[in-house]
Amino acid sequence: MLERMLRGIAGFFILASLLLAYYVSYYWLWFAAFVGLNLLQSAFTNWCPMMTILKKLGVK
């Protein structure tokens, strides 16, 4: 459940930043890059800040 929620949040963040980049400012692409880099580093370290947040919120 935790990993599915993490993937859903990451996907939402990337899609939202792409929409914001299109309609508001292209600087929102930096947010998409941040999310992508965070996912990449979590593949190597097996740690993601969002997983820590979700665990503290009680997601199992």
PDB file of N, CA and C in Angstrom:
ATOM      1  N   MET A   1       0.821  -1.190   0.000  1.00  0.00           N
ATOM      2  CA  MET A   1       0.000   0.000   0.000  1.00  0.00           C
ATOM      3  C   MET A   1       0.869   1.260   0.000  1.00  0.00           C
ATOM      4  N   LEU A   2       1.937   1.239   0.793  1.00  0.00           N
ATOM      5  CA  LEU A   2       2.814   2.403   0.904  1.00  0.00           C
ATOM      6  C   LEU A   2       3.483   2.717  -0.432  1.00  0.00           C
ATOM      7  N   GLU A   3       3.995   1.703  -1.105  1.00  0.00           N
ATOM      8  CA  GLU A   3       4.682   1.934  -2.382  1.00  0.00           C
ATOM      9  C   GLU A   3       3.716   2.389  -3.467  1.00  0.00           C
ATOM     10  N   ARG A   4       2.511   1.866  -3.462  1.00  0.00           N
ATOM     11  CA  ARG A   4       1.513   2.299  -4.442  1.00  0.00           C
ATOM     12  C   ARG A   4       1.151   3.751  -4.228  1.00  0.00           C
ATOM     13  N   MET A   5       1.005   4.139  -2.966  1.00  0.00           N
ATOM     14  CA  MET A   5       0.689   5.521  -2.658  1.00  0.00           C
ATOM     15  C   MET A   5       1.850   6.440  -3.046  1.00  0.00           C
ATOM     16  N   LEU A   6       3.069   5.990  -2.798  1.00  0.00           N
ATOM     17  CA  LEU A   6       4.246   6.770  -3.169  1.00  0.00           C
ATOM     18  C   LEU A   6       4.310   6.990  -4.677  1.00  0.00           C
ATOM     19  N   ARG A   7       4.072   5.948  -5.448  1.00  0.00           N
ATOM     20  CA  ARG A   7       4.084   6.076  -6.908  1.00  0.00           C
ATOM     21  C   ARG A   7       2.984   7.008  -7.393  1.00  0.00           C
ATOM     22  N   GLY A   8       1.821   6.911  -6.765  1.00  0.00           N
ATOM     23  CA  GLY A   8       0.707   7.788  -7.138  1.00  0.00           C
ATOM     24  C   GLY A   8       1.005   9.254  -6.845  1.00  0.00           C
ATOM     25  N   ILE A   9       1.588   9.519  -5.695  1.00  0.00           N
ATOM     26  CA  ILE A   9       1.947  10.895  -5.336  1.00  0.00           C
ATOM     27  C   ILE A   9       3.016  11.429  -6.281  1.00  0.00           C
ATOM     28  N   ALA A  10       4.037  10.621  -6.560  1.00  0.00           N
ATOM     29  CA  ALA A  10       5.103  11.058  -7.468  1.00  0.00           C
ATOM     30  C   ALA A  10       4.546  11.338  -8.866  1.00  0.00           C
ATOM     31  N   GLY A  11       3.683  10.468  -9.347  1.00  0.00           N
ATOM     32  CA  GLY A  11       3.065  10.693 -10.657  1.00  0.00           C
ATOM     33  C   GLY A  11       2.221  11.946 -10.686  1.00  0.00           C
ATOM     34  N   PHE A  12       1.469  12.170  -9.615  1.00  0.00           N
ATOM     35  CA  PHE A  12       0.652  13.384  -9.526  1.00  0.00           C
ATOM     36  C   PHE A  12       1.531  14.626  -9.519  1.00  0.00           C
ATOM     37  N   PHE A  13       2.614  14.608  -8.741  1.00  0.00           N
ATOM     38  CA  PHE A  13       3.510  15.756  -8.666  1.00  0.00           C
ATOM     39  C   PHE A  13       4.120  16.065 -10.040  1.00  0.00           C
ATOM     40  N   ILE A  14       4.527  15.035 -10.757  1.00  0.00           N
ATOM     41  CA  ILE A  14       5.138  15.267 -12.066  1.00  0.00           C
ATOM     42  C   ILE A  14       4.113  15.802 -13.056  1.00  0.00           C
ATOM     43  N   LEU A  15       2.932  15.205 -13.095  1.00  0.00           N
ATOM     44  CA  LEU A  15       1.907  15.696 -14.017  1.00  0.00           C
ATOM     45  C   LEU A  15       1.458  17.109 -13.659  1.00  0.00           C
ATOM     46  N   ALA A  16       1.319  17.390 -12.362  1.00  0.00           N
ATOM     47  CA  ALA A  16       0.930  18.734 -11.934  1.00  0.00           C
ATOM     48  C   ALA A  16       2.000  19.756 -12.308  1.00  0.00           C
ATOM     49  N   SER A  17       3.263  19.402 -12.137  1.00  0.00           N
ATOM     50  CA  SER A  17       4.317  20.350 -12.479  1.00  0.00           C
ATOM     51  C   SER A  17       4.388  20.576 -13.985  1.00  0.00           C
ATOM     52  N   LEU A  18       4.108  19.559 -14.774  1.00  0.00           N
ATOM     53  CA  LEU A  18       4.090  19.744 -16.226  1.00  0.00           C
ATOM     54  C   LEU A  18       2.943  20.659 -16.651  1.00  0.00           C
ATOM     55  N   LEU A  19       1.791  20.491 -16.039  1.00  0.00           N
ATOM     56  CA  LEU A  19       0.667  21.385 -16.339  1.00  0.00           C
ATOM     57  C   LEU A  19       0.973  22.815 -15.900  1.00  0.00           C
ATOM     58  N   LEU A  20       1.563  22.958 -14.721  1.00  0.00           N
ATOM     59  CA  LEU A  20       1.924  24.296 -14.245  1.00  0.00           C
ATOM     60  C   LEU A  20       2.990  24.925 -15.136  1.00  0.00           C
ATOM     61  N   ALA A  21       3.917  24.114 -15.632  1.00  0.00           N
ATOM     62  CA  ALA A  21       4.942  24.638 -16.534  1.00  0.00           C
ATOM     63  C   ALA A  21       4.314  25.115 -17.842  1.00  0.00           C
ATOM     64  N   TYR A  22       3.320  24.413 -18.300  1.00  0.00           N
ATOM     65  CA  TYR A  22       2.664  24.787 -19.556  1.00  0.00           C
ATOM     66  C   TYR A  22       1.820  26.047 -19.403  1.00  0.00           C
ATOM     67  N   TYR A  23       1.061  26.129 -18.300  1.00  0.00           N
ATOM     68  CA  TYR A  23       0.102  27.218 -18.137  1.00  0.00           C
ATOM     69  C   TYR A  23       0.624  28.399 -17.319  1.00  0.00           C
ATOM     70  N   VAL A  24       1.617  28.196 -16.463  1.00  0.00           N
ATOM     71  CA  VAL A  24       2.055  29.264 -15.569  1.00  0.00           C
ATOM     72  C   VAL A  24       3.470  29.727 -15.905  1.00  0.00           C
ATOM     73  N   SER A  25       4.445  28.860 -15.658  1.00  0.00           N
ATOM     74  CA  SER A  25       5.838  29.224 -15.883  1.00  0.00           C
ATOM     75  C   SER A  25       6.659  27.961 -16.100  1.00  0.00           C
ATOM     76  N   TYR A  26       7.589  28.033 -17.019  1.00  0.00           N
ATOM     77  CA  TYR A  26       8.419  26.859 -17.288  1.00  0.00           C
ATOM     78  C   TYR A  26       9.338  26.519 -16.124  1.00  0.00           C
ATOM     79  N   TYR A  27       9.449  27.406 -15.149  1.00  0.00           N
ATOM     80  CA  TYR A  27      10.266  27.115 -13.965  1.00  0.00           C
ATOM     81  C   TYR A  27       9.714  25.944 -13.151  1.00  0.00           C
ATOM     82  N   TRP A  28       8.451  25.620 -13.353  1.00  0.00           N
ATOM     83  CA  TRP A  28       7.877  24.456 -12.661  1.00  0.00           C
ATOM     84  C   TRP A  28       8.519  23.148 -13.113  1.00  0.00           C
ATOM     85  N   LEU A  29       9.210  23.160 -14.232  1.00  0.00           N
ATOM     86  CA  LEU A  29       9.914  21.955 -14.679  1.00  0.00           C
ATOM     87  C   LEU A  29      11.014  21.563 -13.702  1.00  0.00           C
ATOM     88  N   TRP A  30      11.532  22.532 -12.960  1.00  0.00           N
ATOM     89  CA  TRP A  30      12.527  22.216 -11.935  1.00  0.00           C
ATOM     90  C   TRP A  30      11.935  21.315 -10.863  1.00  0.00           C
ATOM     91  N   PHE A  31      10.658  21.503 -10.555  1.00  0.00           N
ATOM     92  CA  PHE A  31       9.998  20.634  -9.576  1.00  0.00           C
ATOM     93  C   PHE A  31       9.877  19.211 -10.111  1.00  0.00           C
ATOM     94  N   ALA A  32       9.535  19.078 -11.392  1.00  0.00           N
ATOM     95  CA  ALA A  32       9.464  17.751 -12.006  1.00  0.00           C
ATOM     96  C   ALA A  32      10.837  17.086 -11.991  1.00  0.00           C
ATOM     97  N   ALA A  33      11.883  17.865 -12.254  1.00  0.00           N
ATOM     98  CA  ALA A  33      13.240  17.319 -12.211  1.00  0.00           C
ATOM     99  C   ALA A  33      13.608  16.886 -10.799  1.00  0.00           C
ATOM    100  N   PHE A  34      13.204  17.656  -9.801  1.00  0.00           N
ATOM    101  CA  PHE A  34      13.476  17.299  -8.410  1.00  0.00           C
ATOM    102  C   PHE A  34      12.804  15.979  -8.044  1.00  0.00           C
ATOM    103  N   VAL A  35      11.562  15.817  -8.430  1.00  0.00           N
ATOM    104  CA  VAL A  35      10.836  14.578  -8.134  1.00  0.00           C
ATOM    105  C   VAL A  35      11.505  13.404  -8.844  1.00  0.00           C
ATOM    106  N   GLY A  36      11.881  13.599 -10.098  1.00  0.00           N
ATOM    107  CA  GLY A  36      12.551  12.534 -10.847  1.00  0.00           C
ATOM    108  C   GLY A  36      13.888  12.141 -10.233  1.00  0.00           C
ATOM    109  N   LEU A  37      14.680  13.130  -9.837  1.00  0.00           N
ATOM    110  CA  LEU A  37      15.960  12.837  -9.197  1.00  0.00           C
ATOM    111  C   LEU A  37      15.770  12.150  -7.854  1.00  0.00           C
ATOM    112  N   ASN A  38      14.744  12.552  -7.133  1.00  0.00           N
ATOM    113  CA  ASN A  38      14.456  11.915  -5.855  1.00  0.00           C
ATOM    114  C   ASN A  38      14.072  10.452  -6.051  1.00  0.00           C
ATOM    115  N   LEU A  39      13.287  10.162  -7.076  1.00  0.00           N
ATOM    116  CA  LEU A  39      12.946   8.770  -7.379  1.00  0.00           C
ATOM    117  C   LEU A  39      14.179   7.973  -7.786  1.00  0.00           C
ATOM    118  N   LEU A  40      15.057   8.601  -8.544  1.00  0.00           N
ATOM    119  CA  LEU A  40      16.286   7.931  -8.964  1.00  0.00           C
ATOM    120  C   LEU A  40      17.177   7.604  -7.768  1.00  0.00           C
ATOM    121  N   GLN A  41      17.368   8.558  -6.860  1.00  0.00           N
ATOM    122  CA  GLN A  41      18.218   8.279  -5.703  1.00  0.00           C
ATOM    123  C   GLN A  41      17.578   7.257  -4.786  1.00  0.00           C
ATOM    124  N   SER A  42      16.246   7.223  -4.716  1.00  0.00           N
ATOM    125  CA  SER A  42      15.594   6.229  -3.857  1.00  0.00           C
ATOM    126  C   SER A  42      15.768   4.815  -4.410  1.00  0.00           C
ATOM    127  N   ALA A  43      15.967   4.694  -5.716  1.00  0.00           N
ATOM    128  CA  ALA A  43      16.221   3.375  -6.311  1.00  0.00           C
ATOM    129  C   ALA A  43      17.553   2.811  -5.828  1.00  0.00           C
ATOM    130  N   PHE A  44      18.510   3.684  -5.546  1.00  0.00           N
ATOM    131  CA  PHE A  44      19.829   3.238  -5.102  1.00  0.00           C
ATOM    132  C   PHE A  44      19.942   3.141  -3.582  1.00  0.00           C
ATOM    133  N   THR A  45      19.265   4.055  -2.877  1.00  0.00           N
ATOM    134  CA  THR A  45      19.412   4.103  -1.422  1.00  0.00           C
ATOM    135  C   THR A  45      18.278   3.405  -0.682  1.00  0.00           C
ATOM    136  N   ASN A  46      17.176   3.111  -1.383  1.00  0.00           N
ATOM    137  CA  ASN A  46      15.986   2.509  -0.778  1.00  0.00           C
ATOM    138  C   ASN A  46      15.412   3.398   0.320  1.00  0.00           C
ATOM    139  N   TRP A  47      15.565   4.706   0.170  1.00  0.00           N
ATOM    140  CA  TRP A  47      14.999   5.673   1.106  1.00  0.00           C
ATOM    141  C   TRP A  47      14.451   6.858   0.330  1.00  0.00           C
ATOM    142  N   CYS A  48      13.265   7.286   0.713  1.00  0.00           N
ATOM    143  CA  CYS A  48      12.620   8.423   0.079  1.00  0.00           C
ATOM    144  C   CYS A  48      11.968   9.263   1.172  1.00  0.00           C
ATOM    145  N   PRO A  49      12.141  10.573   1.150  1.00  0.00           N
ATOM    146  CA  PRO A  49      11.527  11.409   2.179  1.00  0.00           C
ATOM    147  C   PRO A  49      10.005  11.262   2.244  1.00  0.00           C
ATOM    148  N   MET A  50       9.359  11.081   1.107  1.00  0.00           N
ATOM    149  CA  MET A  50       7.902  10.940   1.109  1.00  0.00           C
ATOM    150  C   MET A  50       7.472   9.662   1.818  1.00  0.00           C
ATOM    151  N   MET A  51       8.269   8.605   1.741  1.00  0.00           N
ATOM    152  CA  MET A  51       7.933   7.376   2.461  1.00  0.00           C
ATOM    153  C   MET A  51       7.972   7.623   3.972  1.00  0.00           C
ATOM    154  N   THR A  52       8.926   8.407   4.431  1.00  0.00           N
ATOM    155  CA  THR A  52       9.004   8.733   5.846  1.00  0.00           C
ATOM    156  C   THR A  52       7.770   9.520   6.270  1.00  0.00           C
ATOM    157  N   ILE A  53       7.357  10.473   5.444  1.00  0.00           N
ATOM    158  CA  ILE A  53       6.170  11.276   5.750  1.00  0.00           C
ATOM    159  C   ILE A  53       4.932  10.394   5.794  1.00  0.00           C
ATOM    160  N   LEU A  54       4.791   9.507   4.794  1.00  0.00           N
ATOM    161  CA  LEU A  54       3.612   8.647   4.735  1.00  0.00           C
ATOM    162  C   LEU A  54       3.565   7.691   5.937  1.00  0.00           C
ATOM    163  N   LYS A  55       4.728   7.186   6.354  1.00  0.00           N
ATOM    164  CA  LYS A  55       4.763   6.293   7.516  1.00  0.00           C
ATOM    165  C   LYS A  55       4.343   7.032   8.767  1.00  0.00           C
ATOM    166  N   LYS A  56       4.779   8.290   8.912  1.00  0.00           N
ATOM    167  CA  LYS A  56       4.395   9.084  10.081  1.00  0.00           C
ATOM    168  C   LYS A  56       2.889   9.404  10.073  1.00  0.00           C
ATOM    169  N   LEU A  57       2.307   9.451   8.870  1.00  0.00           N
ATOM    170  CA  LEU A  57       0.865   9.674   8.763  1.00  0.00           C
ATOM    171  C   LEU A  57       0.052   8.403   8.985  1.00  0.00           C
ATOM    172  N   GLY A  58       0.752   7.276   9.138  1.00  0.00           N
ATOM    173  CA  GLY A  58       0.071   6.029   9.453  1.00  0.00           C
ATOM    174  C   GLY A  58      -0.279   5.150   8.287  1.00  0.00           C
ATOM    175  N   VAL A  59       0.269   5.425   7.112  1.00  0.00           N
ATOM    176  CA  VAL A  59       0.005   4.573   5.949  1.00  0.00           C
ATOM    177  C   VAL A  59       0.798   3.288   6.120  1.00  0.00           C
ATOM    178  N   LYS A  60       0.124   2.150   5.873  1.00  0.00           N
ATOM    179  CA  LYS A  60       0.790   0.850   6.052  1.00  0.00           C
ATOM    180  C   LYS A  60       1.146   0.238   4.728  1.00  0.00           C
TER     181      LYS A  60
END
